[in-house]
C-alpha atoms as a PDB file:
ATOM      1  CA  MET A   1     -15.478  15.356  21.783  1.00  0.00           C
ATOM      2  CA  PRO A   2     -16.209  17.355  18.633  1.00  0.00           C
ATOM      3  CA  GLU A   3     -18.425  15.521  16.111  1.00  0.00           C
ATOM      4  CA  LEU A   4     -15.772  15.734  13.394  1.00  0.00           C
ATOM      5  CA  LEU A   5     -13.332  13.823  15.592  1.00  0.00           C
ATOM      6  CA  LYS A   6     -15.892  11.155  16.497  1.00  0.00           C
ATOM      7  CA  LEU A   7     -16.149  10.318  12.822  1.00  0.00           C
ATOM      8  CA  ILE A   8     -12.431   9.977  12.114  1.00  0.00           C
ATOM      9  CA  LEU A   9     -10.624   8.955  15.318  1.00  0.00           C
ATOM     10  CA  PRO A  10     -10.139   5.188  15.678  1.00  0.00           C
ATOM     11  CA  GLN A  11     -12.672   3.583  18.062  1.00  0.00           C
ATOM     12  CA  ASN A  12     -11.848   1.703  21.299  1.00  0.00           C
ATOM     13  CA  HIS A  13      -9.218   4.185  22.464  1.00  0.00           C
ATOM     14  CA  THR A  14      -9.118   6.825  25.179  1.00  0.00           C
ATOM     15  CA  TYR A  15      -8.127  10.351  24.094  1.00  0.00           C
ATOM     16  CA  LEU A  16      -6.869  13.352  26.050  1.00  0.00           C
ATOM     17  CA  ILE A  17      -7.419  16.326  23.768  1.00  0.00           C
ATOM     18  CA  GLU A  18      -5.056  19.180  24.521  1.00  0.00           C
ATOM     19  CA  LYS A  19      -6.030  21.410  21.609  1.00  0.00           C
ATOM     20  CA  PHE A  20      -8.540  21.233  18.807  1.00  0.00           C
ATOM     21  CA  SER A  21      -8.943  23.967  16.214  1.00  0.00           C
ATOM     22  CA  GLU A  22     -11.301  23.649  13.257  1.00  0.00           C
ATOM     23  CA  LEU A  23      -9.883  25.460  10.226  1.00  0.00           C
ATOM     24  CA  LEU A  24     -11.398  26.639   6.968  1.00  0.00           C
ATOM     25  CA  SER A  25     -12.257  23.782   4.658  1.00  0.00           C
ATOM     26  CA  TYR A  26      -9.967  22.874   1.819  1.00  0.00           C
ATOM     27  CA  VAL A  27     -11.819  23.109  -1.519  1.00  0.00           C
ATOM     28  CA  THR A  28     -10.625  20.803  -4.262  1.00  0.00           C
ATOM     29  CA  SER A  29     -10.569  21.609  -7.956  1.00  0.00           C
ATOM     30  CA  GLU A  30     -13.790  19.495  -8.207  1.00  0.00           C
ATOM     31  CA  ASN A  31     -15.352  21.880  -5.699  1.00  0.00           C
ATOM     32  CA  PHE A  32     -15.496  19.412  -2.786  1.00  0.00           C
ATOM     33  CA  ALA A  33     -15.074  20.930   0.684  1.00  0.00           C
ATOM     34  CA  ILE A  34     -12.743  18.936   2.919  1.00  0.00           C
ATOM     35  CA  PRO A  35     -12.785  19.736   6.639  1.00  0.00           C
ATOM     36  CA  GLN A  36      -9.435  20.780   8.117  1.00  0.00           C
ATOM     37  CA  PHE A  37      -8.340  20.911  11.761  1.00  0.00           C
ATOM     38  CA  GLU A  38      -5.345  21.017  14.044  1.00  0.00           C
ATOM     39  CA  LEU A  39      -5.235  18.505  16.931  1.00  0.00           C
ATOM     40  CA  ASP A  40      -2.874  17.970  19.826  1.00  0.00           C
ATOM     41  CA  ALA A  41      -3.937  14.817  21.696  1.00  0.00           C
ATOM     42  CA  PHE A  42      -2.685  11.896  23.736  1.00  0.00           C
ATOM     43  CA  VAL A  43      -3.858   8.357  22.838  1.00  0.00           C
ATOM     44  CA  ASP A  44      -3.807   5.245  25.082  1.00  0.00           C
ATOM     45  CA  VAL A  45      -1.161   3.294  23.146  1.00  0.00           C
ATOM     46  CA  ASN A  46       1.958   2.083  24.850  1.00  0.00           C
ATOM     47  CA  ASP A  47       4.526   1.145  22.171  1.00  0.00           C
ATOM     48  CA  LYS A  48       5.674   2.323  18.797  1.00  0.00           C
ATOM     49  CA  GLU A  49       4.044  -0.552  16.891  1.00  0.00           C
ATOM     50  CA  LYS A  50       0.605   0.135  18.425  1.00  0.00           C
ATOM     51  CA  ALA A  51       1.046   3.829  17.698  1.00  0.00           C
ATOM     52  CA  HIS A  52       1.815   2.989  14.038  1.00  0.00           C
ATOM     53  CA  GLU A  53      -1.276   0.725  13.840  1.00  0.00           C
ATOM     54  CA  TRP A  54      -3.401   3.526  15.402  1.00  0.00           C
ATOM     55  CA  PHE A  55      -2.088   6.009  12.802  1.00  0.00           C
ATOM     56  CA  LEU A  56      -2.769   3.686   9.877  1.00  0.00           C
ATOM     57  CA  GLU A  57      -6.360   3.266  11.124  1.00  0.00           C
ATOM     58  CA  PHE A  58      -6.642   7.051  11.510  1.00  0.00           C
ATOM     59  CA  GLU A  59      -5.458   7.585   7.891  1.00  0.00           C
ATOM     60  CA  SER A  60      -7.959   4.978   6.677  1.00  0.00           C
ATOM     61  CA  ARG A  61     -10.906   6.471   8.627  1.00  0.00           C
ATOM     62  CA  SER A  62     -10.062  10.067   7.682  1.00  0.00           C
ATOM     63  CA  LYS A  63      -9.172   9.216   4.051  1.00  0.00           C
ATOM     64  CA  THR A  64      -5.901  11.149   4.381  1.00  0.00           C
ATOM     65  CA  THR A  65      -2.251  10.615   3.753  1.00  0.00           C
ATOM     66  CA  MET A  66      -0.141  12.361   6.342  1.00  0.00           C
ATOM     67  CA  PRO A  67       3.630  11.897   6.108  1.00  0.00           C
ATOM     68  CA  GLN A  68       5.713  12.617   9.216  1.00  0.00           C
ATOM     69  CA  THR A  69       7.056  16.176   9.033  1.00  0.00           C
ATOM     70  CA  LYS A  70       9.043  16.122  12.247  1.00  0.00           C
ATOM     71  CA  GLY A  71      10.250  13.455  14.703  1.00  0.00           C
ATOM     72  CA  TYR A  72      11.395  13.814  18.279  1.00  0.00           C
ATOM     73  CA  LYS A  73      13.902  11.872  20.355  1.00  0.00           C
ATOM     74  CA  ILE A  74      12.476   9.910  23.240  1.00  0.00           C
ATOM     75  CA  LYS A  75      13.566  11.726  26.398  1.00  0.00           C
ATOM     76  CA  GLY A  76      11.664   9.997  29.194  1.00  0.00           C
ATOM     77  CA  LYS A  77       9.609   6.984  30.163  1.00  0.00           C
ATOM     78  CA  GLN A  78       6.252   8.766  29.934  1.00  0.00           C
ATOM     79  CA  VAL A  79       6.305   9.784  26.286  1.00  0.00           C
ATOM     80  CA  ILE A  80       7.043   6.856  23.931  1.00  0.00           C
ATOM     81  CA  LEU A  81       6.427   8.493  20.597  1.00  0.00           C
ATOM     82  CA  ARG A  82       5.910  12.066  19.401  1.00  0.00           C
ATOM     83  CA  GLU A  83       5.528  13.059  15.762  1.00  0.00           C
ATOM     84  CA  ASN A  84       4.241  15.958  13.787  1.00  0.00           C
ATOM     85  CA  ARG A  85       2.241  15.037  10.708  1.00  0.00           C
ATOM     86  CA  HIS A  86       0.568  17.146   8.114  1.00  0.00           C
ATOM     87  CA  CYS A  87      -1.790  16.354   5.253  1.00  0.00           C
ATOM     88  CA  ILE A  88      -0.037  16.054   1.885  1.00  0.00           C
ATOM     89  CA  HIS A  89      -1.919  19.171   0.759  1.00  0.00           C
ATOM     90  CA  SER A  90      -0.512  21.343   3.573  1.00  0.00           C
ATOM     91  CA  ASN A  91       1.949  24.151   2.946  1.00  0.00           C
ATOM     92  CA  LYS A  92       4.534  22.471   5.243  1.00  0.00           C
ATOM     93  CA  VAL A  93       4.568  19.323   3.127  1.00  0.00           C
ATOM     94  CA  LYS A  94       4.567  21.215  -0.178  1.00  0.00           C
ATOM     95  CA  LYS A  95       7.530  23.336   1.070  1.00  0.00           C
ATOM     96  CA  LYS A  96       9.506  20.176   2.091  1.00  0.00           C
ATOM     97  CA  GLN A  97       8.770  18.619  -1.314  1.00  0.00           C
ATOM     98  CA  GLY A  98      10.109  21.656  -3.119  1.00  0.00           C
ATOM     99  CA  GLY A  99       6.887  22.572  -4.909  1.00  0.00           C
ATOM    100  CA  ARG A 100       6.333  19.102  -6.357  1.00  0.00           C
ATOM    101  CA  VAL A 101       2.935  18.763  -7.894  1.00  0.00           C
ATOM    102  CA  VAL A 102       0.823  16.105  -6.158  1.00  0.00           C
ATOM    103  CA  LYS A 103      -1.799  14.401  -8.382  1.00  0.00           C
END
């Protein structure tokens, strides 16, 4: 597992990483570099509540706020929950917010 993910993924879970891409760092107006990445992974949680708890822990460990940008209907018994989420600084979120300035 990449070192960056070891720091921010919640502990005591098993992960199957399908895709990991490290992107250019986001530089804040205060000149802090924030690592960015794309991740497609499976986590060993088996219901929606546990998935929500996992995601809250992920946001806490990674110091991010990532609203859901797309939801999917449950189609089978194998996949319980599938969501797309993006950091509030991402272009997808800014586009959905209509150019709203985030402080």
